[in-house]
């Protein structure tokens, strides 16, 4: 019985051509937009916003070599999802889903 060789490109999906930094930036863009409504903001979100790395504000992935922005989004995706659901913001939820599926 001959064994079929498994090619590396068939055994997993790489991150090639996926901009995880930009995906995380887009989630934060929508989150900050939703938080402009005082009904959506609270002490948790104020603390969260304070943790957004400088790289987000400069929009330079090279400033985020430790991927702090992506980590912030991925490790809080449950809370961000709840925020977007409570705001009934399907577009924001789509960006979060894309970021989670491709990068988290």
N, C-alpha and C. Protein backbone atom coordinates (compact mmCIF):
# COMPACT_ATOMS: atom_id res chain seq x y z
N UNK A 1 0.85 -1.18 0.00
CA UNK A 1 0.00 0.00 0.00
C UNK A 1 0.89 1.24 0.00
N UNK A 2 0.76 2.06 -1.01
CA UNK A 2 1.56 3.28 -1.13
C UNK A 2 0.92 4.39 -0.31
N UNK A 3 1.76 5.11 0.39
CA UNK A 3 1.23 6.25 1.15
C UNK A 3 1.33 7.50 0.29
N UNK A 4 0.29 8.28 0.35
CA UNK A 4 0.26 9.51 -0.44
C UNK A 4 0.94 10.61 0.37
N UNK A 5 1.84 11.31 -0.27
CA UNK A 5 2.54 12.40 0.39
C UNK A 5 1.58 13.56 0.59
N UNK A 6 1.58 14.11 1.79
CA UNK A 6 0.75 15.28 2.09
C UNK A 6 1.59 16.52 1.88
N UNK A 7 1.14 17.37 1.01
CA UNK A 7 1.86 18.61 0.76
C UNK A 7 1.57 19.60 1.89
N UNK A 8 2.57 20.35 2.25
CA UNK A 8 2.41 21.31 3.35
C UNK A 8 1.28 22.29 3.07
N UNK A 9 1.17 22.74 1.82
CA UNK A 9 0.14 23.74 1.52
C UNK A 9 -1.27 23.15 1.57
N UNK A 10 -1.40 21.84 1.70
CA UNK A 10 -2.72 21.23 1.83
C UNK A 10 -3.06 20.90 3.28
N UNK A 11 -2.06 20.92 4.16
CA UNK A 11 -2.30 20.46 5.51
C UNK A 11 -2.74 21.57 6.46
N UNK A 12 -2.58 22.82 6.08
CA UNK A 12 -3.02 23.92 6.93
C UNK A 12 -3.21 25.17 6.08
N UNK A 13 -3.87 26.13 6.68
CA UNK A 13 -4.05 27.42 6.02
C UNK A 13 -3.03 28.37 6.61
N UNK A 14 -2.26 28.99 5.79
CA UNK A 14 -1.26 29.93 6.29
C UNK A 14 -1.87 31.30 6.47
N UNK A 15 -1.10 32.19 7.06
CA UNK A 15 -1.53 33.57 7.24
C UNK A 15 -1.08 34.44 6.07
N UNK A 16 -0.57 33.82 5.03
CA UNK A 16 -0.12 34.56 3.87
C UNK A 16 -1.29 35.35 3.28
N UNK A 17 -1.04 36.60 2.97
CA UNK A 17 -2.03 37.51 2.39
C UNK A 17 -3.17 37.87 3.34
N UNK A 18 -2.99 37.63 4.65
CA UNK A 18 -3.98 38.05 5.64
C UNK A 18 -3.32 39.13 6.49
N UNK A 19 -3.93 40.28 6.56
CA UNK A 19 -3.39 41.39 7.34
C UNK A 19 -4.10 41.44 8.69
N UNK A 20 -3.58 40.68 9.63
CA UNK A 20 -4.21 40.59 10.95
C UNK A 20 -4.17 41.92 11.69
N UNK A 21 -3.12 42.69 11.49
CA UNK A 21 -3.05 44.01 12.12
C UNK A 21 -4.20 44.88 11.62
N UNK A 22 -4.41 44.90 10.33
CA UNK A 22 -5.50 45.71 9.77
C UNK A 22 -6.86 45.17 10.22
N UNK A 23 -7.01 43.86 10.28
CA UNK A 23 -8.27 43.29 10.78
C UNK A 23 -8.55 43.77 12.19
N UNK A 24 -7.53 43.77 13.05
CA UNK A 24 -7.71 44.22 14.43
C UNK A 24 -8.01 45.72 14.46
N UNK A 25 -7.34 46.50 13.60
CA UNK A 25 -7.62 47.94 13.53
C UNK A 25 -9.07 48.21 13.16
N UNK A 26 -9.58 47.46 12.22
CA UNK A 26 -10.97 47.66 11.80
C UNK A 26 -11.95 47.34 12.92
N UNK A 27 -11.65 46.32 13.70
CA UNK A 27 -12.51 46.00 14.85
C UNK A 27 -12.49 47.16 15.84
N UNK A 28 -11.30 47.68 16.12
CA UNK A 28 -11.18 48.80 17.06
C UNK A 28 -11.87 50.04 16.48
N UNK A 29 -11.75 50.28 15.18
CA UNK A 29 -12.46 51.41 14.56
C UNK A 29 -13.95 51.34 14.88
N UNK A 30 -14.53 50.17 14.66
CA UNK A 30 -15.97 50.01 14.91
C UNK A 30 -16.29 50.08 16.39
N UNK A 31 -15.44 49.53 17.21
CA UNK A 31 -15.66 49.57 18.64
C UNK A 31 -15.68 51.02 19.14
N UNK A 32 -14.71 51.82 18.70
CA UNK A 32 -14.66 53.22 19.13
C UNK A 32 -15.87 53.99 18.61
N UNK A 33 -16.34 53.65 17.42
CA UNK A 33 -17.54 54.29 16.89
C UNK A 33 -18.76 53.96 17.75
N UNK A 34 -18.90 52.69 18.11
CA UNK A 34 -20.03 52.26 18.94
C UNK A 34 -19.95 52.91 20.33
N UNK A 35 -18.74 53.06 20.84
CA UNK A 35 -18.56 53.62 22.19
C UNK A 35 -18.81 55.13 22.24
N UNK A 36 -18.93 55.78 21.08
CA UNK A 36 -19.27 57.21 21.08
C UNK A 36 -20.67 57.44 21.67
N UNK A 37 -21.49 56.41 21.58
CA UNK A 37 -22.82 56.48 22.19
C UNK A 37 -22.64 56.23 23.69
N UNK A 38 -22.96 57.21 24.53
CA UNK A 38 -22.76 57.06 25.97
C UNK A 38 -23.50 55.85 26.58
N UNK A 39 -24.57 55.43 25.93
CA UNK A 39 -25.31 54.27 26.43
C UNK A 39 -24.49 52.98 26.33
N UNK A 40 -23.50 52.96 25.44
CA UNK A 40 -22.67 51.77 25.26
C UNK A 40 -21.39 51.80 26.08
N UNK A 41 -21.05 52.94 26.63
CA UNK A 41 -19.78 53.09 27.32
C UNK A 41 -19.94 52.86 28.82
N UNK A 42 -18.88 52.36 29.43
CA UNK A 42 -18.85 52.17 30.87
C UNK A 42 -17.38 52.11 31.31
N UNK A 43 -17.15 51.85 32.59
CA UNK A 43 -15.79 51.83 33.13
C UNK A 43 -14.92 50.76 32.45
N UNK A 44 -15.52 49.61 32.12
CA UNK A 44 -14.75 48.56 31.45
C UNK A 44 -14.19 49.07 30.13
N UNK A 45 -15.03 49.72 29.33
CA UNK A 45 -14.59 50.18 28.01
C UNK A 45 -13.60 51.33 28.12
N UNK A 46 -13.75 52.15 29.15
CA UNK A 46 -12.77 53.22 29.35
C UNK A 46 -11.39 52.62 29.62
N UNK A 47 -11.35 51.57 30.44
CA UNK A 47 -10.08 50.88 30.71
C UNK A 47 -9.55 50.20 29.45
N UNK A 48 -10.44 49.61 28.69
CA UNK A 48 -10.05 48.93 27.45
C UNK A 48 -9.42 49.92 26.47
N UNK A 49 -10.07 51.04 26.27
CA UNK A 49 -9.58 52.05 25.33
C UNK A 49 -8.19 52.53 25.75
N UNK A 50 -7.97 52.64 27.04
CA UNK A 50 -6.66 53.08 27.53
C UNK A 50 -5.56 52.07 27.20
N UNK A 51 -5.92 50.82 26.94
CA UNK A 51 -4.95 49.76 26.63
C UNK A 51 -4.65 49.63 25.14
N UNK A 52 -5.34 50.40 24.31
CA UNK A 52 -5.10 50.30 22.87
C UNK A 52 -3.67 50.77 22.58
N UNK A 53 -2.86 49.92 21.96
CA UNK A 53 -1.46 50.29 21.71
C UNK A 53 -1.32 51.46 20.74
N UNK A 54 -0.22 52.18 20.88
CA UNK A 54 0.07 53.33 20.02
C UNK A 54 0.07 52.95 18.54
N UNK A 55 0.44 51.72 18.24
CA UNK A 55 0.49 51.28 16.83
C UNK A 55 -0.87 51.45 16.15
N UNK A 56 -1.95 51.28 16.88
CA UNK A 56 -3.27 51.48 16.30
C UNK A 56 -3.42 52.93 15.82
N UNK A 57 -2.99 53.86 16.65
CA UNK A 57 -3.16 55.28 16.34
C UNK A 57 -2.25 55.71 15.19
N UNK A 58 -1.08 55.10 15.07
CA UNK A 58 -0.18 55.42 13.97
C UNK A 58 -0.50 54.61 12.73
N UNK A 59 -1.30 53.55 12.92
CA UNK A 59 -1.68 52.62 11.84
C UNK A 59 -0.44 51.99 11.20
N UNK A 60 0.55 51.72 12.03
CA UNK A 60 1.79 51.14 11.54
C UNK A 60 2.04 49.80 12.22
N UNK A 61 1.88 48.73 11.48
CA UNK A 61 2.05 47.38 12.03
C UNK A 61 3.46 47.16 12.56
N UNK A 62 4.43 47.86 12.00
CA UNK A 62 5.82 47.70 12.47
C UNK A 62 5.99 48.22 13.89
N UNK A 63 5.12 49.13 14.31
CA UNK A 63 5.16 49.63 15.69
C UNK A 63 4.55 48.63 16.67
N UNK A 64 3.95 47.59 16.15
CA UNK A 64 3.27 46.59 16.98
C UNK A 64 3.93 45.23 16.81
N UNK A 65 5.24 45.18 16.97
CA UNK A 65 5.99 43.95 16.71
C UNK A 65 5.58 42.79 17.60
N UNK A 66 5.03 43.08 18.77
CA UNK A 66 4.59 42.01 19.67
C UNK A 66 3.11 41.69 19.49
N UNK A 67 2.51 42.27 18.48
CA UNK A 67 1.10 42.03 18.13
C UNK A 67 0.15 42.30 19.30
N UNK A 68 0.43 43.37 20.02
CA UNK A 68 -0.39 43.71 21.19
C UNK A 68 -1.83 44.05 20.80
N UNK A 69 -2.00 44.70 19.65
CA UNK A 69 -3.36 45.07 19.23
C UNK A 69 -4.19 43.83 18.92
N UNK A 70 -3.61 42.91 18.17
CA UNK A 70 -4.32 41.68 17.84
C UNK A 70 -4.63 40.89 19.11
N UNK A 71 -3.68 40.83 20.02
CA UNK A 71 -3.90 40.13 21.29
C UNK A 71 -5.04 40.79 22.06
N UNK A 72 -5.06 42.11 22.10
CA UNK A 72 -6.12 42.83 22.81
C UNK A 72 -7.49 42.49 22.24
N UNK A 73 -7.59 42.48 20.93
CA UNK A 73 -8.88 42.17 20.28
C UNK A 73 -9.25 40.71 20.51
N UNK A 74 -8.32 39.80 20.26
CA UNK A 74 -8.64 38.37 20.35
C UNK A 74 -8.96 37.95 21.79
N UNK A 75 -8.24 38.49 22.74
CA UNK A 75 -8.47 38.07 24.13
C UNK A 75 -9.72 38.69 24.72
N UNK A 76 -10.28 39.67 24.04
CA UNK A 76 -11.52 40.31 24.52
C UNK A 76 -12.66 40.18 23.52
N UNK A 77 -12.54 39.25 22.60
CA UNK A 77 -13.55 39.13 21.54
C UNK A 77 -14.94 38.86 22.08
N UNK A 78 -15.03 38.14 23.19
CA UNK A 78 -16.34 37.87 23.78
C UNK A 78 -17.01 39.18 24.20
N UNK A 79 -16.26 40.06 24.85
CA UNK A 79 -16.81 41.33 25.31
C UNK A 79 -17.12 42.26 24.14
N UNK A 80 -16.24 42.27 23.16
CA UNK A 80 -16.46 43.10 21.97
C UNK A 80 -17.70 42.62 21.23
N UNK A 81 -17.85 41.31 21.13
CA UNK A 81 -19.03 40.74 20.49
C UNK A 81 -20.31 41.17 21.21
N UNK A 82 -20.28 41.11 22.52
CA UNK A 82 -21.44 41.52 23.31
C UNK A 82 -21.75 43.00 23.10
N UNK A 83 -20.71 43.82 23.02
CA UNK A 83 -20.90 45.25 22.75
C UNK A 83 -21.59 45.46 21.41
N UNK A 84 -21.09 44.79 20.38
CA UNK A 84 -21.66 44.93 19.04
C UNK A 84 -23.08 44.38 18.99
N UNK A 85 -23.34 43.28 19.67
CA UNK A 85 -24.69 42.72 19.70
C UNK A 85 -25.65 43.68 20.39
N UNK A 86 -25.24 44.22 21.54
CA UNK A 86 -26.09 45.16 22.27
C UNK A 86 -26.36 46.42 21.47
N UNK A 87 -25.40 46.82 20.65
CA UNK A 87 -25.57 48.00 19.80
C UNK A 87 -26.32 47.66 18.52
N UNK A 88 -26.60 46.38 18.32
CA UNK A 88 -27.28 45.90 17.11
C UNK A 88 -26.54 46.35 15.85
N UNK A 89 -25.22 46.14 15.88
CA UNK A 89 -24.36 46.59 14.78
C UNK A 89 -23.81 45.39 14.03
N UNK A 90 -24.53 44.99 12.98
CA UNK A 90 -24.15 43.81 12.21
C UNK A 90 -22.84 44.02 11.44
N UNK A 91 -22.62 45.22 10.94
CA UNK A 91 -21.39 45.49 10.21
C UNK A 91 -20.17 45.31 11.12
N UNK A 92 -20.23 45.86 12.31
CA UNK A 92 -19.13 45.71 13.27
C UNK A 92 -18.92 44.24 13.61
N UNK A 93 -20.01 43.52 13.77
CA UNK A 93 -19.92 42.09 14.08
C UNK A 93 -19.25 41.33 12.95
N UNK A 94 -19.52 41.71 11.72
CA UNK A 94 -18.88 41.07 10.57
C UNK A 94 -17.37 41.26 10.60
N UNK A 95 -16.92 42.45 10.96
CA UNK A 95 -15.48 42.70 11.05
C UNK A 95 -14.85 41.90 12.18
N UNK A 96 -15.56 41.80 13.30
CA UNK A 96 -15.04 40.98 14.41
C UNK A 96 -14.97 39.52 14.02
N UNK A 97 -16.01 39.02 13.37
CA UNK A 97 -16.01 37.61 12.93
C UNK A 97 -14.86 37.33 11.97
N UNK A 98 -14.62 38.25 11.05
CA UNK A 98 -13.51 38.08 10.09
C UNK A 98 -12.18 38.03 10.82
N UNK A 99 -11.98 38.93 11.75
CA UNK A 99 -10.73 38.97 12.52
C UNK A 99 -10.56 37.68 13.32
N UNK A 100 -11.62 37.24 13.97
CA UNK A 100 -11.54 36.00 14.76
C UNK A 100 -11.23 34.80 13.88
N UNK A 101 -11.91 34.66 12.76
CA UNK A 101 -11.73 33.50 11.90
C UNK A 101 -10.36 33.48 11.24
N UNK A 102 -9.86 34.63 10.84
CA UNK A 102 -8.60 34.67 10.12
C UNK A 102 -7.38 34.77 11.02
N UNK A 103 -7.54 35.34 12.22
CA UNK A 103 -6.34 35.72 12.98
C UNK A 103 -6.29 35.25 14.44
N UNK A 104 -7.42 35.07 15.06
CA UNK A 104 -7.40 34.75 16.50
C UNK A 104 -7.18 33.26 16.78
